[in-house]
Structure formats: C-alpha cells, structure tokens
C-alpha cells in the first residue's frame, strides 16, 4: 500500500494539472486553461491550444483568485514533503 501511495505521488506531476475555466473579474471574458505558475501577482496559464499567457491576478474572478491561493498552498506543501 505504501508503494502505491509513493507511485501516485510521482505520477501526479507527470499527469499534468487541471484544465479549468478561468473568468475575468468583470465576467465578460473566460478561457479554458491550466495554471502553470504564479509570480509577482500574475498567473501563467496554458490554453488548450498550447499557447501560454500571463494574467494579472487582480483581473481574475474572486473564485479564480481563491483557486490560485489553494494551488499555491498545495504546491508549497508538496515541496516540503521528502521524496
């Protein structure tokens, strides 16, 4: 059972992140993309066509900002775990 958990941890990053619908704070624009990175109050998103773009965090919906905060916490926790 321990081996299975270890393999699942290794496979997580290989499987990619979640593609989700991102929406602007105004609600007038949305796109499907994967969150790649958060840096300097901006998020890097990878669209379904493979192109990437940087978006100011303040331009995203409150729901998306919350998702980014949770994503950051998850990434920080993963980095603290020994391999």
C-alpha atoms as a PDB file:
ATOM      1  CA  UNK A   1       0.000   0.000   0.000  1.00  0.00           C
ATOM      2  CA  UNK A   2       2.868   2.349   0.804  1.00  0.00           C
ATOM      3  CA  UNK A   3       4.381   1.694  -2.628  1.00  0.00           C
ATOM      4  CA  UNK A   4       1.084   2.589  -4.321  1.00  0.00           C
ATOM      5  CA  UNK A   5       0.950   5.925  -2.480  1.00  0.00           C
ATOM      6  CA  UNK A   6       4.515   6.679  -3.491  1.00  0.00           C
ATOM      7  CA  UNK A   7       3.811   5.874  -7.141  1.00  0.00           C
ATOM      8  CA  UNK A   8       0.729   8.072  -7.132  1.00  0.00           C
ATOM      9  CA  UNK A   9       2.786  10.964  -5.754  1.00  0.00           C
ATOM     10  CA  UNK A  10       5.315  10.535  -8.541  1.00  0.00           C
ATOM     11  CA  UNK A  11       2.645  10.245 -11.214  1.00  0.00           C
ATOM     12  CA  UNK A  12       0.837  13.426 -10.123  1.00  0.00           C
ATOM     13  CA  UNK A  13       3.233  15.906 -11.727  1.00  0.00           C
ATOM     14  CA  UNK A  14       3.542  13.728 -14.830  1.00  0.00           C
ATOM     15  CA  UNK A  15      -0.207  13.706 -15.376  1.00  0.00           C
ATOM     16  CA  UNK A  16      -0.409  17.480 -15.646  1.00  0.00           C
ATOM     17  CA  UNK A  17      -2.563  19.898 -13.812  1.00  0.00           C
ATOM     18  CA  UNK A  18      -6.237  20.587 -14.067  1.00  0.00           C
ATOM     19  CA  UNK A  19      -7.640  22.412 -17.077  1.00  0.00           C
ATOM     20  CA  UNK A  20     -10.393  24.671 -15.846  1.00  0.00           C
ATOM     21  CA  UNK A  21     -12.464  27.627 -16.977  1.00  0.00           C
ATOM     22  CA  UNK A  22     -10.927  30.945 -15.914  1.00  0.00           C
ATOM     23  CA  UNK A  23     -13.063  34.077 -15.823  1.00  0.00           C
ATOM     24  CA  UNK A  24     -12.276  37.770 -15.681  1.00  0.00           C
ATOM     25  CA  UNK A  25     -13.291  39.790 -12.627  1.00  0.00           C
ATOM     26  CA  UNK A  26     -15.876  41.588 -14.760  1.00  0.00           C
ATOM     27  CA  UNK A  27     -17.311  38.291 -16.011  1.00  0.00           C
ATOM     28  CA  UNK A  28     -17.035  39.346 -19.654  1.00  0.00           C
ATOM     29  CA  UNK A  29     -14.171  37.050 -20.642  1.00  0.00           C
ATOM     30  CA  UNK A  30     -13.350  33.408 -19.979  1.00  0.00           C
ATOM     31  CA  UNK A  31     -10.996  30.731 -21.256  1.00  0.00           C
ATOM     32  CA  UNK A  32     -10.105  27.112 -20.583  1.00  0.00           C
ATOM     33  CA  UNK A  33      -6.543  26.769 -19.356  1.00  0.00           C
ATOM     34  CA  UNK A  34      -4.126  25.085 -16.965  1.00  0.00           C
ATOM     35  CA  UNK A  35      -2.355  27.033 -14.222  1.00  0.00           C
ATOM     36  CA  UNK A  36       1.415  26.743 -14.681  1.00  0.00           C
ATOM     37  CA  UNK A  37       2.957  29.339 -12.385  1.00  0.00           C
ATOM     38  CA  UNK A  38       2.271  32.246 -10.047  1.00  0.00           C
ATOM     39  CA  UNK A  39       4.820  35.060  -9.928  1.00  0.00           C
ATOM     40  CA  UNK A  40       4.719  38.750  -8.983  1.00  0.00           C
ATOM     41  CA  UNK A  41       0.917  38.817  -8.635  1.00  0.00           C
ATOM     42  CA  UNK A  42       0.486  37.271 -12.080  1.00  0.00           C
ATOM     43  CA  UNK A  43      -0.528  33.794 -13.192  1.00  0.00           C
ATOM     44  CA  UNK A  44       0.797  31.933 -16.190  1.00  0.00           C
ATOM     45  CA  UNK A  45      -1.922  29.982 -17.952  1.00  0.00           C
ATOM     46  CA  UNK A  46      -1.572  27.366 -20.674  1.00  0.00           C
ATOM     47  CA  UNK A  47      -4.529  27.417 -23.030  1.00  0.00           C
ATOM     48  CA  UNK A  48      -5.899  24.267 -24.643  1.00  0.00           C
ATOM     49  CA  UNK A  49      -4.152  25.161 -27.912  1.00  0.00           C
ATOM     50  CA  UNK A  50      -0.796  25.038 -26.090  1.00  0.00           C
ATOM     51  CA  UNK A  51      -0.111  28.764 -26.020  1.00  0.00           C
ATOM     52  CA  UNK A  52       0.673  30.443 -22.712  1.00  0.00           C
ATOM     53  CA  UNK A  53      -0.128  33.858 -21.342  1.00  0.00           C
ATOM     54  CA  UNK A  54       0.401  35.881 -18.179  1.00  0.00           C
ATOM     55  CA  UNK A  55      -2.623  37.465 -16.480  1.00  0.00           C
ATOM     56  CA  UNK A  56      -2.668  39.908 -13.561  1.00  0.00           C
ATOM     57  CA  UNK A  57      -4.185  38.187 -10.549  1.00  0.00           C
ATOM     58  CA  UNK A  58      -6.391  41.221  -9.887  1.00  0.00           C
ATOM     59  CA  UNK A  59      -8.055  40.767 -13.281  1.00  0.00           C
ATOM     60  CA  UNK A  60      -9.365  37.302 -12.367  1.00  0.00           C
ATOM     61  CA  UNK A  61     -12.653  36.471 -10.687  1.00  0.00           C
ATOM     62  CA  UNK A  62     -12.754  36.037  -6.902  1.00  0.00           C
ATOM     63  CA  UNK A  63     -13.308  32.295  -7.427  1.00  0.00           C
ATOM     64  CA  UNK A  64     -10.190  32.054  -9.599  1.00  0.00           C
ATOM     65  CA  UNK A  65      -8.106  34.025  -7.097  1.00  0.00           C
ATOM     66  CA  UNK A  66      -9.196  31.581  -4.393  1.00  0.00           C
ATOM     67  CA  UNK A  67      -8.254  28.664  -6.645  1.00  0.00           C
ATOM     68  CA  UNK A  68      -4.793  30.197  -7.171  1.00  0.00           C
ATOM     69  CA  UNK A  69      -4.285  30.619  -3.402  1.00  0.00           C
ATOM     70  CA  UNK A  70      -5.226  26.981  -2.792  1.00  0.00           C
ATOM     71  CA  UNK A  71      -2.989  25.855  -5.666  1.00  0.00           C
ATOM     72  CA  UNK A  72      -0.072  27.767  -4.138  1.00  0.00           C
ATOM     73  CA  UNK A  73      -0.647  26.156  -0.729  1.00  0.00           C
ATOM     74  CA  UNK A  74      -0.741  22.715  -2.340  1.00  0.00           C
ATOM     75  CA  UNK A  75       2.492  23.355  -4.268  1.00  0.00           C
ATOM     76  CA  UNK A  76       4.253  24.619  -1.141  1.00  0.00           C
ATOM     77  CA  UNK A  77       3.144  21.541   0.809  1.00  0.00           C
ATOM     78  CA  UNK A  78       4.358  19.241  -1.979  1.00  0.00           C
ATOM     79  CA  UNK A  79       7.769  20.907  -1.978  1.00  0.00           C
ATOM     80  CA  UNK A  80       8.136  20.355   1.781  1.00  0.00           C
ATOM     81  CA  UNK A  81       7.429  16.622   1.535  1.00  0.00           C
ATOM     82  CA  UNK A  82      10.505  14.397   1.390  1.00  0.00           C
ATOM     83  CA  UNK A  83      10.779  12.131  -1.624  1.00  0.00           C
END
